[in-house]
Amino acid sequence: MTEPKKPGCVFCQTPASGDDRAGLILHRDALAYIILNRYPYNSGHLMVVPFRHVARPELLSGDEARAMMELTGLAIRVLERAMSPEGFNVGMNLGRAAGAGIDDHLHMHIVPRWVGDTNYMPVLADTKVLPQHLEETYERMGEALSALLAPRR
């Protein structure tokens, strides 16, 4: 069951709410944030989103572009630690024709992959079966992030 689309930009509204756990925001820096995808392609599907409402990568400042790439690297390290994937899909869908569900606020997808992770459900029922609930995934990612960001002794 899907929820009706709310007016406004979810990528602007979610961080403004101040409740990172409810919004599935895993980490913030000054210019961008990491968030779990509420409608994931696979368990652990993360996105890196700039705070500034911008639709295309060429509109990012140099600092915003660097922040997005640095957080993409951090997201990959978190996924490696928390989920042990065998590979990743990393990229952006720019525009509706390219598959963007939200095309007016840029975001980078980081999707963990495992050999054989595609099953019959997307083919037969247009449904993806995920082996883990979002809250459990959030907890697992949060623990991995804390371990990665902890001061080294």
N, C-alpha and C. Protein backbone atom coordinates (compact mmCIF):
# COMPACT_ATOMS: atom_id res chain seq x y z
N MET A 1 0.85 -1.18 0.00
CA MET A 1 0.00 0.00 0.00
C MET A 1 0.89 1.24 0.00
N THR A 2 0.60 2.16 -0.86
CA THR A 2 1.38 3.40 -0.92
C THR A 2 0.60 4.54 -0.30
N GLU A 3 1.34 5.48 0.24
CA GLU A 3 0.72 6.66 0.85
C GLU A 3 0.50 7.71 -0.22
N PRO A 4 -0.55 8.54 -0.08
CA PRO A 4 -0.74 9.62 -1.06
C PRO A 4 0.43 10.59 -0.97
N LYS A 5 0.80 11.14 -2.12
CA LYS A 5 1.92 12.09 -2.16
C LYS A 5 1.55 13.39 -1.45
N LYS A 6 2.44 13.81 -0.56
CA LYS A 6 2.23 15.05 0.18
C LYS A 6 2.76 16.22 -0.64
N PRO A 7 2.16 17.40 -0.50
CA PRO A 7 2.68 18.56 -1.23
C PRO A 7 4.05 18.97 -0.70
N GLY A 8 4.84 19.58 -1.55
CA GLY A 8 6.17 20.04 -1.15
C GLY A 8 7.23 19.00 -1.46
N CYS A 9 8.44 19.30 -1.08
CA CYS A 9 9.59 18.45 -1.38
C CYS A 9 9.97 17.62 -0.15
N VAL A 10 9.89 16.31 -0.28
CA VAL A 10 10.22 15.41 0.83
C VAL A 10 11.68 15.56 1.24
N PHE A 11 12.57 15.87 0.28
CA PHE A 11 13.98 16.00 0.60
C PHE A 11 14.30 17.32 1.30
N CYS A 12 13.39 18.28 1.25
CA CYS A 12 13.51 19.51 2.03
C CYS A 12 12.79 19.38 3.37
N GLN A 13 11.61 18.77 3.34
CA GLN A 13 10.78 18.66 4.54
C GLN A 13 11.36 17.69 5.58
N THR A 14 11.91 16.57 5.13
CA THR A 14 12.38 15.56 6.08
C THR A 14 13.47 16.08 7.00
N PRO A 15 14.54 16.69 6.49
CA PRO A 15 15.55 17.19 7.43
C PRO A 15 15.05 18.37 8.26
N ALA A 16 14.11 19.14 7.74
CA ALA A 16 13.57 20.28 8.48
C ALA A 16 12.71 19.83 9.67
N SER A 17 12.20 18.60 9.64
CA SER A 17 11.34 18.12 10.72
C SER A 17 12.10 17.98 12.03
N GLY A 18 13.42 17.78 11.96
CA GLY A 18 14.22 17.66 13.17
C GLY A 18 14.23 16.26 13.78
N ASP A 19 13.44 15.33 13.25
CA ASP A 19 13.39 13.97 13.77
C ASP A 19 14.08 13.03 12.78
N ASP A 20 15.40 12.93 12.94
CA ASP A 20 16.17 12.15 11.97
C ASP A 20 15.78 10.68 11.96
N ARG A 21 15.50 10.12 13.11
CA ARG A 21 15.13 8.70 13.15
C ARG A 21 13.83 8.45 12.39
N ALA A 22 12.80 9.24 12.65
CA ALA A 22 11.52 9.08 11.95
C ALA A 22 11.69 9.34 10.46
N GLY A 23 12.58 10.26 10.11
CA GLY A 23 12.82 10.58 8.71
C GLY A 23 13.82 9.66 8.04
N LEU A 24 14.40 8.73 8.82
CA LEU A 24 15.39 7.77 8.33
C LEU A 24 16.69 8.43 7.88
N ILE A 25 16.96 9.63 8.42
CA ILE A 25 18.23 10.30 8.14
C ILE A 25 19.30 9.67 9.02
N LEU A 26 20.31 9.14 8.38
CA LEU A 26 21.37 8.42 9.08
C LEU A 26 22.49 9.35 9.52
N HIS A 27 22.78 10.38 8.70
CA HIS A 27 23.92 11.26 8.99
C HIS A 27 23.73 12.58 8.25
N ARG A 28 24.20 13.65 8.87
CA ARG A 28 24.18 14.99 8.25
C ARG A 28 25.58 15.58 8.29
N ASP A 29 25.91 16.35 7.27
CA ASP A 29 27.04 17.26 7.39
C ASP A 29 26.48 18.64 7.09
N ALA A 30 27.31 19.62 6.85
CA ALA A 30 26.83 20.99 6.67
C ALA A 30 26.04 21.19 5.37
N LEU A 31 26.34 20.39 4.33
CA LEU A 31 25.76 20.64 3.01
C LEU A 31 24.88 19.53 2.46
N ALA A 32 24.96 18.35 3.05
CA ALA A 32 24.21 17.21 2.52
C ALA A 32 23.94 16.20 3.63
N TYR A 33 23.13 15.19 3.33
CA TYR A 33 22.82 14.17 4.32
C TYR A 33 22.64 12.81 3.67
N ILE A 34 22.75 11.76 4.51
CA ILE A 34 22.53 10.38 4.08
C ILE A 34 21.19 9.94 4.67
N ILE A 35 20.35 9.34 3.83
CA ILE A 35 19.03 8.89 4.25
C ILE A 35 18.74 7.51 3.66
N LEU A 36 18.03 6.68 4.42
CA LEU A 36 17.56 5.41 3.88
C LEU A 36 16.41 5.69 2.93
N ASN A 37 16.38 4.98 1.83
CA ASN A 37 15.27 5.10 0.89
C ASN A 37 14.05 4.41 1.49
N ARG A 38 12.95 5.13 1.61
CA ARG A 38 11.72 4.58 2.18
C ARG A 38 11.10 3.52 1.26
N TYR A 39 11.46 3.53 0.00
CA TYR A 39 10.97 2.55 -0.98
C TYR A 39 12.18 1.92 -1.66
N PRO A 40 12.95 1.10 -0.90
CA PRO A 40 14.25 0.64 -1.36
C PRO A 40 14.19 -0.39 -2.48
N TYR A 41 15.23 -0.36 -3.32
CA TYR A 41 15.42 -1.38 -4.35
C TYR A 41 15.97 -2.65 -3.71
N ASN A 42 16.71 -2.51 -2.61
CA ASN A 42 17.30 -3.60 -1.85
C ASN A 42 17.43 -3.14 -0.40
N SER A 43 17.52 -4.07 0.54
CA SER A 43 17.78 -3.68 1.93
C SER A 43 19.07 -2.89 2.01
N GLY A 44 19.03 -1.78 2.73
CA GLY A 44 20.19 -0.94 2.89
C GLY A 44 20.32 0.16 1.85
N HIS A 45 19.37 0.29 0.95
CA HIS A 45 19.41 1.32 -0.11
C HIS A 45 19.47 2.70 0.55
N LEU A 46 20.59 3.38 0.35
CA LEU A 46 20.80 4.72 0.90
C LEU A 46 20.77 5.76 -0.22
N MET A 47 20.56 7.00 0.18
CA MET A 47 20.65 8.13 -0.75
C MET A 47 21.44 9.24 -0.08
N VAL A 48 22.19 9.97 -0.88
CA VAL A 48 22.88 11.17 -0.42
C VAL A 48 22.18 12.35 -1.09
N VAL A 49 21.78 13.32 -0.27
CA VAL A 49 20.94 14.42 -0.73
C VAL A 49 21.53 15.76 -0.28
N PRO A 50 21.66 16.73 -1.19
CA PRO A 50 22.09 18.05 -0.73
C PRO A 50 20.93 18.74 0.00
N PHE A 51 21.25 19.55 1.00
CA PHE A 51 20.19 20.29 1.68
C PHE A 51 19.54 21.30 0.74
N ARG A 52 20.35 21.92 -0.10
CA ARG A 52 19.81 22.93 -1.01
C ARG A 52 18.95 22.26 -2.07
N HIS A 53 17.81 22.83 -2.33
CA HIS A 53 16.86 22.32 -3.32
C HIS A 53 17.37 22.66 -4.72
N VAL A 54 17.98 21.65 -5.36
CA VAL A 54 18.56 21.83 -6.69
C VAL A 54 18.29 20.55 -7.47
N ALA A 55 17.98 20.68 -8.75
CA ALA A 55 17.53 19.53 -9.54
C ALA A 55 18.64 18.83 -10.32
N ARG A 56 19.74 19.50 -10.57
CA ARG A 56 20.75 18.93 -11.47
C ARG A 56 22.15 19.08 -10.89
N PRO A 57 23.05 18.15 -11.16
CA PRO A 57 24.38 18.22 -10.55
C PRO A 57 25.19 19.44 -10.97
N GLU A 58 24.99 19.94 -12.18
CA GLU A 58 25.77 21.10 -12.61
C GLU A 58 25.36 22.37 -11.87
N LEU A 59 24.27 22.33 -11.13
CA LEU A 59 23.83 23.49 -10.34
C LEU A 59 24.39 23.47 -8.92
N LEU A 60 25.06 22.40 -8.54
CA LEU A 60 25.69 22.32 -7.23
C LEU A 60 26.91 23.22 -7.17
N SER A 61 27.18 23.77 -6.01
CA SER A 61 28.46 24.47 -5.81
C SER A 61 29.55 23.39 -5.73
N GLY A 62 30.79 23.82 -5.87
CA GLY A 62 31.89 22.87 -5.72
C GLY A 62 31.89 22.21 -4.35
N ASP A 63 31.60 22.98 -3.31
CA ASP A 63 31.55 22.43 -1.96
C ASP A 63 30.42 21.41 -1.81
N GLU A 64 29.27 21.69 -2.41
CA GLU A 64 28.14 20.74 -2.34
C GLU A 64 28.47 19.45 -3.09
N ALA A 65 29.09 19.58 -4.25
CA ALA A 65 29.46 18.39 -5.02
C ALA A 65 30.47 17.54 -4.25
N ARG A 66 31.47 18.18 -3.63
CA ARG A 66 32.45 17.45 -2.84
C ARG A 66 31.79 16.78 -1.64
N ALA A 67 30.88 17.49 -0.98
CA ALA A 67 30.18 16.91 0.17
C ALA A 67 29.38 15.68 -0.24
N MET A 68 28.71 15.77 -1.38
CA MET A 68 27.93 14.61 -1.85
C MET A 68 28.83 13.41 -2.13
N MET A 69 29.98 13.65 -2.75
CA MET A 69 30.88 12.54 -3.05
C MET A 69 31.51 11.98 -1.77
N GLU A 70 31.85 12.85 -0.82
CA GLU A 70 32.41 12.36 0.45
C GLU A 70 31.37 11.53 1.20
N LEU A 71 30.11 11.98 1.21
CA LEU A 71 29.07 11.21 1.89
C LEU A 71 28.74 9.93 1.13
N THR A 72 28.88 9.93 -0.18
CA THR A 72 28.69 8.70 -0.94
C THR A 72 29.74 7.67 -0.52
N GLY A 73 30.97 8.10 -0.37
CA GLY A 73 32.03 7.21 0.12
C GLY A 73 31.74 6.70 1.51
N LEU A 74 31.27 7.58 2.39
CA LEU A 74 30.92 7.17 3.75
C LEU A 74 29.76 6.17 3.71
N ALA A 75 28.77 6.41 2.89
CA ALA A 75 27.62 5.49 2.77
C ALA A 75 28.09 4.10 2.33
N ILE A 76 29.02 4.05 1.39
CA ILE A 76 29.55 2.76 0.93
C ILE A 76 30.26 2.04 2.07
N ARG A 77 31.07 2.78 2.85
CA ARG A 77 31.78 2.16 3.98
C ARG A 77 30.80 1.66 5.04
N VAL A 78 29.73 2.43 5.29
CA VAL A 78 28.71 2.00 6.26
C VAL A 78 28.05 0.71 5.77
N LEU A 79 27.67 0.68 4.50
CA LEU A 79 27.03 -0.51 3.95
C LEU A 79 27.96 -1.71 3.99
N GLU A 80 29.24 -1.52 3.68
CA GLU A 80 30.19 -2.63 3.73
C GLU A 80 30.27 -3.19 5.15
N ARG A 81 30.30 -2.30 6.12
CA ARG A 81 30.42 -2.74 7.51
C ARG A 81 29.13 -3.39 8.02
N ALA A 82 27.98 -2.81 7.66
CA ALA A 82 26.70 -3.27 8.21
C ALA A 82 26.08 -4.43 7.43
N MET A 83 26.29 -4.48 6.12
CA MET A 83 25.54 -5.42 5.28
C MET A 83 26.41 -6.41 4.49
N SER A 84 27.71 -6.14 4.41
CA SER A 84 28.63 -6.99 3.64
C SER A 84 28.16 -7.28 2.22
N PRO A 85 27.81 -6.26 1.45
CA PRO A 85 27.38 -6.52 0.08
C PRO A 85 28.55 -6.97 -0.80
N GLU A 86 28.20 -7.57 -1.93
CA GLU A 86 29.22 -8.03 -2.88
C GLU A 86 29.47 -7.01 -3.98
N GLY A 87 28.66 -5.96 -4.02
CA GLY A 87 28.81 -4.91 -5.01
C GLY A 87 27.83 -3.78 -4.71
N PHE A 88 27.85 -2.75 -5.57
CA PHE A 88 26.99 -1.58 -5.40
C PHE A 88 26.51 -1.07 -6.75
N ASN A 89 25.33 -0.50 -6.77
CA ASN A 89 24.91 0.39 -7.84
C ASN A 89 24.91 1.78 -7.22
N VAL A 90 25.59 2.73 -7.87
CA VAL A 90 25.67 4.10 -7.39
C VAL A 90 25.32 5.00 -8.56
N GLY A 91 24.35 5.90 -8.36
CA GLY A 91 24.03 6.81 -9.45
C GLY A 91 22.83 7.68 -9.20
N MET A 92 22.53 8.50 -10.20
CA MET A 92 21.42 9.45 -10.16
C MET A 92 20.52 9.21 -11.35
N ASN A 93 19.23 9.39 -11.12
CA ASN A 93 18.25 9.39 -12.20
C ASN A 93 17.84 10.85 -12.39
N LEU A 94 18.22 11.45 -13.50
CA LEU A 94 17.95 12.87 -13.74
C LEU A 94 16.77 13.01 -14.69
N GLY A 95 15.64 13.44 -14.15
CA GLY A 95 14.42 13.62 -14.95
C GLY A 95 13.51 12.40 -14.92
N ARG A 96 12.24 12.63 -15.13
CA ARG A 96 11.25 11.55 -15.13
C ARG A 96 11.56 10.48 -16.16
N ALA A 97 11.99 10.90 -17.35
CA ALA A 97 12.29 9.93 -18.41
C ALA A 97 13.41 8.98 -18.01
N ALA A 98 14.27 9.41 -17.09
CA ALA A 98 15.39 8.58 -16.62
C ALA A 98 15.01 7.75 -15.40
N GLY A 99 13.76 7.86 -14.94
CA GLY A 99 13.30 7.06 -13.81
C GLY A 99 13.28 7.77 -12.48
N ALA A 100 13.49 9.09 -12.46
CA ALA A 100 13.47 9.82 -11.19
C ALA A 100 12.05 9.90 -10.64
N GLY A 101 11.86 9.36 -9.44
CA GLY A 101 10.57 9.49 -8.76
C GLY A 101 10.40 10.90 -8.21
N ILE A 102 11.50 11.50 -7.80
CA ILE A 102 11.53 12.89 -7.35
C ILE A 102 12.56 13.56 -8.25
N ASP A 103 12.09 14.35 -9.18
CA ASP A 103 13.01 14.90 -10.19
C ASP A 103 13.42 16.35 -9.95
N ASP A 104 12.88 16.98 -8.91
CA ASP A 104 13.23 18.39 -8.70
C ASP A 104 14.21 18.60 -7.55
N HIS A 105 14.65 17.51 -6.88
CA HIS A 105 15.66 17.62 -5.83
C HIS A 105 16.66 16.47 -6.04
N LEU A 106 17.84 16.84 -6.45
CA LEU A 106 18.91 15.91 -6.77
C LEU A 106 19.18 14.95 -5.61
N HIS A 107 19.48 13.71 -5.92
CA HIS A 107 19.89 12.74 -4.92
C HIS A 107 20.66 11.60 -5.58
N MET A 108 21.64 11.08 -4.84
CA MET A 108 22.50 9.98 -5.29
C MET A 108 22.02 8.70 -4.61
N HIS A 109 21.79 7.66 -5.42
CA HIS A 109 21.41 6.35 -4.89
C HIS A 109 22.65 5.51 -4.66
N ILE A 110 22.69 4.82 -3.52
CA ILE A 110 23.73 3.83 -3.23
C ILE A 110 22.98 2.56 -2.85
N VAL A 111 23.01 1.58 -3.75
CA VAL A 111 22.24 0.35 -3.57
C VAL A 111 23.20 -0.82 -3.39
N PRO A 112 23.17 -1.47 -2.21
CA PRO A 112 24.01 -2.65 -2.02
C PRO A 112 23.47 -3.81 -2.85
N ARG A 113 24.39 -4.63 -3.38
CA ARG A 113 23.99 -5.75 -4.23
C ARG A 113 24.71 -7.02 -3.79
N TRP A 114 24.03 -8.14 -3.99
CA TRP A 114 24.57 -9.45 -3.74
C TRP A 114 24.30 -10.32 -4.96
N VAL A 115 25.20 -11.23 -5.25
CA VAL A 115 24.99 -12.15 -6.36
C VAL A 115 23.67 -12.89 -6.13
N GLY A 116 22.80 -12.86 -7.13
CA GLY A 116 21.52 -13.57 -7.04
C GLY A 116 20.45 -12.84 -6.25
N ASP A 117 20.62 -11.51 -6.00
CA ASP A 117 19.64 -10.80 -5.17
C ASP A 117 18.34 -10.46 -5.89
N THR A 118 18.25 -10.68 -7.17
CA THR A 118 16.98 -10.45 -7.88
C THR A 118 16.17 -11.73 -7.82
N ASN A 119 14.89 -11.59 -7.44
CA ASN A 119 14.04 -12.77 -7.38
C ASN A 119 12.85 -12.59 -8.31
N TYR A 120 11.94 -13.52 -8.28
CA TYR A 120 10.80 -13.52 -9.20
C TYR A 120 9.74 -12.47 -8.89
N MET A 121 9.69 -11.94 -7.68
CA MET A 121 8.63 -11.01 -7.30
C MET A 121 8.56 -9.76 -8.18
N PRO A 122 9.69 -9.09 -8.50
CA PRO A 122 9.58 -7.92 -9.36
C PRO A 122 9.07 -8.27 -10.76
N VAL A 123 9.38 -9.47 -11.20
CA VAL A 123 8.98 -9.88 -12.54
C VAL A 123 7.49 -10.22 -12.60
N LEU A 124 7.01 -10.98 -11.61
CA LEU A 124 5.62 -11.46 -11.64
C LEU A 124 4.62 -10.50 -11.00
N ALA A 125 5.03 -9.82 -9.94
CA ALA A 125 4.05 -9.04 -9.18
C ALA A 125 4.41 -7.57 -9.04
N ASP A 126 5.45 -7.11 -9.73
CA ASP A 126 5.91 -5.73 -9.61
C ASP A 126 6.10 -5.34 -8.15
N THR A 127 6.65 -6.29 -7.38
CA THR A 127 6.85 -6.14 -5.94
C THR A 127 8.26 -6.59 -5.59
N LYS A 128 8.88 -5.90 -4.65
CA LYS A 128 10.21 -6.29 -4.19
C LYS A 128 10.08 -6.80 -2.76
N VAL A 129 10.59 -7.98 -2.49
CA VAL A 129 10.58 -8.55 -1.15
C VAL A 129 11.91 -8.21 -0.49
N LEU A 130 11.84 -7.57 0.68
CA LEU A 130 13.04 -7.19 1.40
C LEU A 130 13.14 -8.03 2.67
N PRO A 131 14.32 -8.58 2.95
CA PRO A 131 14.46 -9.46 4.10
C PRO A 131 14.59 -8.74 5.44
N GLN A 132 14.52 -7.41 5.44
CA GLN A 132 14.75 -6.66 6.67
C GLN A 132 13.85 -5.43 6.71
N HIS A 133 13.25 -5.16 7.87
CA HIS A 133 12.41 -3.99 8.06
C HIS A 133 13.29 -2.74 8.10
N LEU A 134 12.75 -1.60 7.63
CA LEU A 134 13.52 -0.35 7.58
C LEU A 134 14.09 0.05 8.94
N GLU A 135 13.33 -0.14 10.02
CA GLU A 135 13.83 0.25 11.34
C GLU A 135 15.04 -0.59 11.75
N GLU A 136 15.00 -1.88 11.42
CA GLU A 136 16.13 -2.75 11.71
C GLU A 136 17.35 -2.34 10.87
N THR A 137 17.10 -2.01 9.61
CA THR A 137 18.18 -1.55 8.74
C THR A 137 18.77 -0.25 9.29
N TYR A 138 17.91 0.67 9.73
CA TYR A 138 18.37 1.95 10.29
C TYR A 138 19.28 1.70 11.50
N GLU A 139 18.87 0.80 12.40
CA GLU A 139 19.67 0.48 13.58
C GLU A 139 21.03 -0.07 13.17
N ARG A 140 21.03 -1.00 12.26
CA ARG A 140 22.26 -1.64 11.80
C ARG A 140 23.20 -0.62 11.16
N MET A 141 22.66 0.25 10.33
CA MET A 141 23.46 1.28 9.68
C MET A 141 23.99 2.28 10.71
N GLY A 142 23.15 2.65 11.67
CA GLY A 142 23.58 3.59 12.71
C GLY A 142 24.74 3.05 13.52
N GLU A 143 24.70 1.76 13.86
CA GLU A 143 25.81 1.14 14.60
C GLU A 143 27.08 1.16 13.76
N ALA A 144 26.96 0.83 12.48
CA ALA A 144 28.13 0.83 11.60
C ALA A 144 28.69 2.24 11.45
N LEU A 145 27.81 3.23 11.29
CA LEU A 145 28.25 4.62 11.15
C LEU A 145 28.97 5.08 12.42
N SER A 146 28.41 4.77 13.58
CA SER A 146 29.04 5.17 14.85
C SER A 146 30.43 4.56 14.97
N ALA A 147 30.57 3.31 14.58
CA ALA A 147 31.87 2.65 14.64
C ALA A 147 32.86 3.32 13.69
N LEU A 148 32.40 3.69 12.50
CA LEU A 148 33.29 4.34 11.53
C LEU A 148 33.71 5.75 11.95
N LEU A 149 32.80 6.46 12.61
CA LEU A 149 33.09 7.85 12.97
C LEU A 149 33.68 8.00 14.36
N ALA A 150 33.77 6.90 15.13
CA ALA A 150 34.31 6.96 16.49
C ALA A 150 35.78 7.38 16.44
N PRO A 151 36.19 8.20 17.40
CA PRO A 151 37.60 8.60 17.42
C PRO A 151 38.49 7.36 17.60
N ARG A 152 39.57 7.33 16.85
CA ARG A 152 40.52 6.21 16.93
C ARG A 152 41.39 6.41 18.17
N ARG A 153 41.61 5.32 18.90
CA ARG A 153 42.43 5.41 20.13
C ARG A 153 43.80 4.85 19.89
